Amino acid sequence: MKTSNGICFKCQSRNNKLFYSYENKLLTTWKTKNNIIKYTLLSELQHLTLAEKLLIQRVSPLVPVIHIKNGILGTRGHVVSFYQDIAEI
C-alpha cells in the first residue's frame, strides 16, 4: 500500500475521511480494556489450527468453487455468509 505521511492515497482522495479505519470496520481490530484500538493480532491467536479458526469465526462464508480447466478455479452462483453465534463457546 502506498502512503504519504502515514496516510494511504485512497484515504487522502476522500478528503481526510479515512477509508480503512476502526469506525467503518474495514480493518480487523480489537480493543483493550483501556479502549485502545489495536491492529495487530493477539499472540494467543497467531498459532491456532484451521479447525480452531473455523470454530471461533463470527461469519462463515460459503463460496461455490468450480474447476474451469487446466487447474484454473472460478466461482459460480451466489456467495453467502452465515453468522455464527459463538457466545456460548
N, C-alpha and C. Protein backbone atom coordinates (compact mmCIF):
# COMPACT_ATOMS: atom_id res chain seq x y z
N MET A 1 0.84 -1.17 0.00
CA MET A 1 0.00 0.00 0.00
C MET A 1 0.89 1.24 0.00
N LYS A 2 0.65 2.12 -0.90
CA LYS A 2 1.43 3.35 -0.99
C LYS A 2 0.85 4.39 -0.03
N THR A 3 1.74 5.01 0.74
CA THR A 3 1.29 6.01 1.69
C THR A 3 2.08 7.30 1.53
N SER A 4 1.53 8.35 2.06
CA SER A 4 2.19 9.64 2.12
C SER A 4 1.89 10.23 3.49
N ASN A 5 2.92 10.49 4.27
CA ASN A 5 2.78 10.98 5.64
C ASN A 5 1.95 10.04 6.50
N GLY A 6 2.05 8.72 6.25
CA GLY A 6 1.34 7.74 7.05
C GLY A 6 -0.12 7.54 6.67
N ILE A 7 -0.59 8.18 5.60
CA ILE A 7 -1.98 8.06 5.15
C ILE A 7 -1.97 7.52 3.73
N CYS A 8 -2.79 6.49 3.47
CA CYS A 8 -2.81 5.90 2.13
C CYS A 8 -3.46 6.88 1.14
N PHE A 9 -3.15 6.68 -0.14
CA PHE A 9 -3.65 7.59 -1.17
C PHE A 9 -5.16 7.54 -1.31
N LYS A 10 -5.77 6.38 -1.04
CA LYS A 10 -7.23 6.27 -1.11
C LYS A 10 -7.88 7.15 -0.05
N CYS A 11 -7.30 7.15 1.16
CA CYS A 11 -7.84 7.99 2.24
C CYS A 11 -7.62 9.47 1.94
N GLN A 12 -6.48 9.81 1.34
CA GLN A 12 -6.21 11.21 1.01
C GLN A 12 -7.19 11.74 -0.03
N SER A 13 -7.59 10.88 -0.97
CA SER A 13 -8.52 11.32 -2.01
C SER A 13 -9.94 11.47 -1.49
N ARG A 14 -10.22 10.99 -0.31
CA ARG A 14 -11.57 11.07 0.27
C ARG A 14 -11.68 12.25 1.24
N ASN A 15 -10.90 13.28 1.05
CA ASN A 15 -10.93 14.50 1.87
C ASN A 15 -10.75 14.21 3.35
N ASN A 16 -9.68 13.47 3.69
CA ASN A 16 -9.31 13.15 5.07
C ASN A 16 -10.35 12.31 5.81
N LYS A 17 -11.30 11.72 5.10
CA LYS A 17 -12.23 10.78 5.71
C LYS A 17 -11.63 9.39 5.50
N LEU A 18 -11.12 8.78 6.57
CA LEU A 18 -10.36 7.55 6.45
C LEU A 18 -11.20 6.41 5.89
N PHE A 19 -10.67 5.73 4.88
CA PHE A 19 -11.37 4.61 4.25
C PHE A 19 -11.15 3.34 5.05
N TYR A 20 -9.90 3.06 5.41
CA TYR A 20 -9.57 1.89 6.23
C TYR A 20 -9.44 2.36 7.67
N SER A 21 -10.47 2.16 8.47
CA SER A 21 -10.42 2.63 9.85
C SER A 21 -11.24 1.71 10.74
N TYR A 22 -11.15 1.95 12.03
CA TYR A 22 -11.91 1.17 13.00
C TYR A 22 -13.40 1.42 12.87
N GLU A 23 -13.76 2.66 12.57
CA GLU A 23 -15.18 3.03 12.54
C GLU A 23 -15.96 2.34 11.43
N ASN A 24 -15.38 2.18 10.26
CA ASN A 24 -16.14 1.55 9.17
C ASN A 24 -15.88 0.06 9.05
N LYS A 25 -15.15 -0.53 10.02
CA LYS A 25 -14.94 -1.97 10.15
C LYS A 25 -14.29 -2.62 8.93
N LEU A 26 -13.47 -1.89 8.19
CA LEU A 26 -12.75 -2.47 7.07
C LEU A 26 -11.43 -3.10 7.49
N LEU A 27 -10.97 -2.80 8.70
CA LEU A 27 -9.75 -3.41 9.22
C LEU A 27 -10.09 -4.32 10.38
N THR A 28 -9.34 -5.40 10.51
CA THR A 28 -9.51 -6.29 11.65
C THR A 28 -8.86 -5.63 12.85
N THR A 29 -9.68 -5.30 13.85
CA THR A 29 -9.18 -4.60 15.03
C THR A 29 -9.78 -5.22 16.29
N TRP A 30 -9.22 -4.86 17.42
CA TRP A 30 -9.76 -5.24 18.72
C TRP A 30 -9.43 -4.15 19.71
N LYS A 31 -10.19 -4.08 20.79
CA LYS A 31 -9.98 -3.06 21.81
C LYS A 31 -9.44 -3.69 23.08
N THR A 32 -8.53 -2.97 23.74
CA THR A 32 -8.03 -3.41 25.02
C THR A 32 -9.01 -2.99 26.11
N LYS A 33 -8.71 -3.34 27.35
CA LYS A 33 -9.57 -2.96 28.47
C LYS A 33 -9.60 -1.45 28.65
N ASN A 34 -8.55 -0.75 28.19
CA ASN A 34 -8.48 0.71 28.31
C ASN A 34 -9.05 1.41 27.09
N ASN A 35 -9.79 0.67 26.22
CA ASN A 35 -10.38 1.20 24.98
C ASN A 35 -9.35 1.72 24.00
N ILE A 36 -8.17 1.09 23.98
CA ILE A 36 -7.15 1.41 23.00
C ILE A 36 -7.34 0.46 21.82
N ILE A 37 -7.41 0.99 20.61
CA ILE A 37 -7.63 0.18 19.42
C ILE A 37 -6.30 -0.41 18.97
N LYS A 38 -6.27 -1.72 18.79
CA LYS A 38 -5.07 -2.43 18.35
C LYS A 38 -5.34 -3.05 16.98
N TYR A 39 -4.35 -3.00 16.10
CA TYR A 39 -4.47 -3.54 14.75
C TYR A 39 -3.67 -4.81 14.55
N THR A 40 -2.90 -5.23 15.57
CA THR A 40 -2.11 -6.44 15.45
C THR A 40 -2.86 -7.61 16.07
N LEU A 41 -2.58 -8.80 15.59
CA LEU A 41 -3.23 -10.00 16.07
C LEU A 41 -2.65 -10.38 17.43
N LEU A 42 -3.52 -10.80 18.34
CA LEU A 42 -3.06 -11.26 19.65
C LEU A 42 -2.13 -12.45 19.49
N SER A 43 -1.14 -12.54 20.37
CA SER A 43 -0.20 -13.66 20.28
C SER A 43 -0.88 -14.99 20.51
N GLU A 44 -1.97 -15.02 21.30
CA GLU A 44 -2.71 -16.26 21.55
C GLU A 44 -3.42 -16.75 20.29
N LEU A 45 -3.74 -15.85 19.38
CA LEU A 45 -4.48 -16.23 18.17
C LEU A 45 -3.57 -16.54 16.98
N GLN A 46 -2.29 -16.25 17.09
CA GLN A 46 -1.39 -16.44 15.96
C GLN A 46 -1.09 -17.90 15.67
N HIS A 47 -1.25 -18.79 16.63
CA HIS A 47 -0.87 -20.18 16.45
C HIS A 47 -2.05 -21.13 16.45
N LEU A 48 -3.24 -20.64 16.10
CA LEU A 48 -4.42 -21.50 16.06
C LEU A 48 -4.39 -22.41 14.84
N THR A 49 -4.96 -23.60 14.99
CA THR A 49 -5.09 -24.50 13.85
C THR A 49 -6.28 -24.05 13.00
N LEU A 50 -6.41 -24.62 11.81
CA LEU A 50 -7.52 -24.26 10.94
C LEU A 50 -8.86 -24.58 11.58
N ALA A 51 -8.96 -25.72 12.25
CA ALA A 51 -10.22 -26.10 12.92
C ALA A 51 -10.59 -25.11 14.01
N GLU A 52 -9.61 -24.63 14.77
CA GLU A 52 -9.88 -23.66 15.82
C GLU A 52 -10.31 -22.32 15.23
N LYS A 53 -9.70 -21.92 14.12
CA LYS A 53 -10.11 -20.67 13.46
C LYS A 53 -11.54 -20.76 12.94
N LEU A 54 -11.90 -21.90 12.36
CA LEU A 54 -13.26 -22.08 11.85
C LEU A 54 -14.28 -22.09 12.98
N LEU A 55 -13.88 -22.57 14.15
CA LEU A 55 -14.78 -22.66 15.29
C LEU A 55 -15.13 -21.29 15.86
N ILE A 56 -14.16 -20.37 15.90
CA ILE A 56 -14.39 -19.09 16.57
C ILE A 56 -14.74 -17.96 15.62
N GLN A 57 -14.77 -18.20 14.31
CA GLN A 57 -15.08 -17.10 13.41
C GLN A 57 -16.55 -16.68 13.54
N ARG A 58 -16.81 -15.41 13.43
CA ARG A 58 -18.16 -14.89 13.59
C ARG A 58 -19.02 -15.08 12.35
N VAL A 59 -18.38 -15.11 11.19
CA VAL A 59 -19.09 -15.28 9.93
C VAL A 59 -18.46 -16.44 9.19
N SER A 60 -19.30 -17.33 8.70
CA SER A 60 -18.82 -18.47 7.93
C SER A 60 -19.24 -18.29 6.47
N PRO A 61 -18.29 -17.97 5.58
CA PRO A 61 -18.66 -17.75 4.18
C PRO A 61 -18.78 -19.06 3.41
N LEU A 62 -19.71 -19.10 2.47
CA LEU A 62 -19.86 -20.23 1.56
C LEU A 62 -19.64 -19.71 0.15
N VAL A 63 -18.54 -20.13 -0.47
CA VAL A 63 -18.20 -19.70 -1.82
C VAL A 63 -18.14 -20.95 -2.70
N PRO A 64 -19.09 -21.11 -3.63
CA PRO A 64 -19.05 -22.28 -4.51
C PRO A 64 -17.91 -22.16 -5.52
N VAL A 65 -16.93 -23.05 -5.44
CA VAL A 65 -15.76 -23.03 -6.31
C VAL A 65 -15.87 -24.17 -7.32
N ILE A 66 -15.58 -23.86 -8.59
CA ILE A 66 -15.62 -24.87 -9.63
C ILE A 66 -14.28 -24.91 -10.36
N HIS A 67 -13.97 -26.05 -10.95
CA HIS A 67 -12.76 -26.21 -11.75
C HIS A 67 -13.10 -25.84 -13.18
N ILE A 68 -12.42 -24.86 -13.76
CA ILE A 68 -12.72 -24.43 -15.13
C ILE A 68 -11.93 -25.29 -16.11
N LYS A 69 -10.62 -25.18 -16.14
CA LYS A 69 -9.77 -26.04 -16.95
C LYS A 69 -8.32 -25.76 -16.61
N ASN A 70 -7.46 -26.75 -16.84
CA ASN A 70 -6.02 -26.62 -16.63
C ASN A 70 -5.67 -26.10 -15.24
N GLY A 71 -6.40 -26.52 -14.23
CA GLY A 71 -6.10 -26.11 -12.86
C GLY A 71 -6.60 -24.73 -12.48
N ILE A 72 -7.35 -24.08 -13.35
CA ILE A 72 -7.90 -22.76 -13.06
C ILE A 72 -9.21 -22.93 -12.32
N LEU A 73 -9.36 -22.20 -11.21
CA LEU A 73 -10.58 -22.27 -10.42
C LEU A 73 -11.39 -21.00 -10.61
N GLY A 74 -12.69 -21.12 -10.46
CA GLY A 74 -13.58 -19.97 -10.55
C GLY A 74 -14.75 -20.15 -9.61
N THR A 75 -15.59 -19.16 -9.53
CA THR A 75 -16.78 -19.26 -8.69
C THR A 75 -18.02 -19.18 -9.57
N ARG A 76 -19.06 -19.80 -9.10
CA ARG A 76 -20.33 -19.78 -9.82
C ARG A 76 -21.44 -19.65 -8.79
N GLY A 77 -22.44 -18.88 -9.11
CA GLY A 77 -23.56 -18.73 -8.19
C GLY A 77 -23.34 -17.61 -7.20
N HIS A 78 -24.04 -17.74 -6.10
CA HIS A 78 -24.03 -16.69 -5.08
C HIS A 78 -23.05 -17.02 -3.97
N VAL A 79 -22.46 -15.99 -3.40
CA VAL A 79 -21.62 -16.14 -2.21
C VAL A 79 -22.49 -15.76 -1.02
N VAL A 80 -22.53 -16.64 -0.01
CA VAL A 80 -23.39 -16.44 1.14
C VAL A 80 -22.54 -16.43 2.41
N SER A 81 -22.88 -15.55 3.34
CA SER A 81 -22.21 -15.52 4.64
C SER A 81 -23.21 -15.89 5.72
N PHE A 82 -22.88 -16.87 6.52
CA PHE A 82 -23.73 -17.31 7.62
C PHE A 82 -23.14 -16.81 8.93
N TYR A 83 -23.93 -16.07 9.70
CA TYR A 83 -23.47 -15.61 11.01
C TYR A 83 -23.52 -16.76 11.99
N GLN A 84 -22.49 -16.89 12.80
CA GLN A 84 -22.40 -17.94 13.79
C GLN A 84 -22.50 -17.33 15.18
N ASP A 85 -23.30 -17.92 16.03
CA ASP A 85 -23.42 -17.47 17.42
C ASP A 85 -22.33 -18.18 18.22
N ILE A 86 -21.27 -17.45 18.55
CA ILE A 86 -20.14 -18.05 19.26
C ILE A 86 -20.12 -17.62 20.72
N ALA A 87 -21.22 -17.07 21.22
CA ALA A 87 -21.25 -16.56 22.59
C ALA A 87 -21.10 -17.68 23.61
N GLU A 88 -21.59 -18.88 23.30
CA GLU A 88 -21.55 -19.97 24.29
C GLU A 88 -20.29 -20.82 24.17
N ILE A 89 -19.44 -20.57 23.20
CA ILE A 89 -18.24 -21.39 23.01
C ILE A 89 -17.20 -21.02 24.05
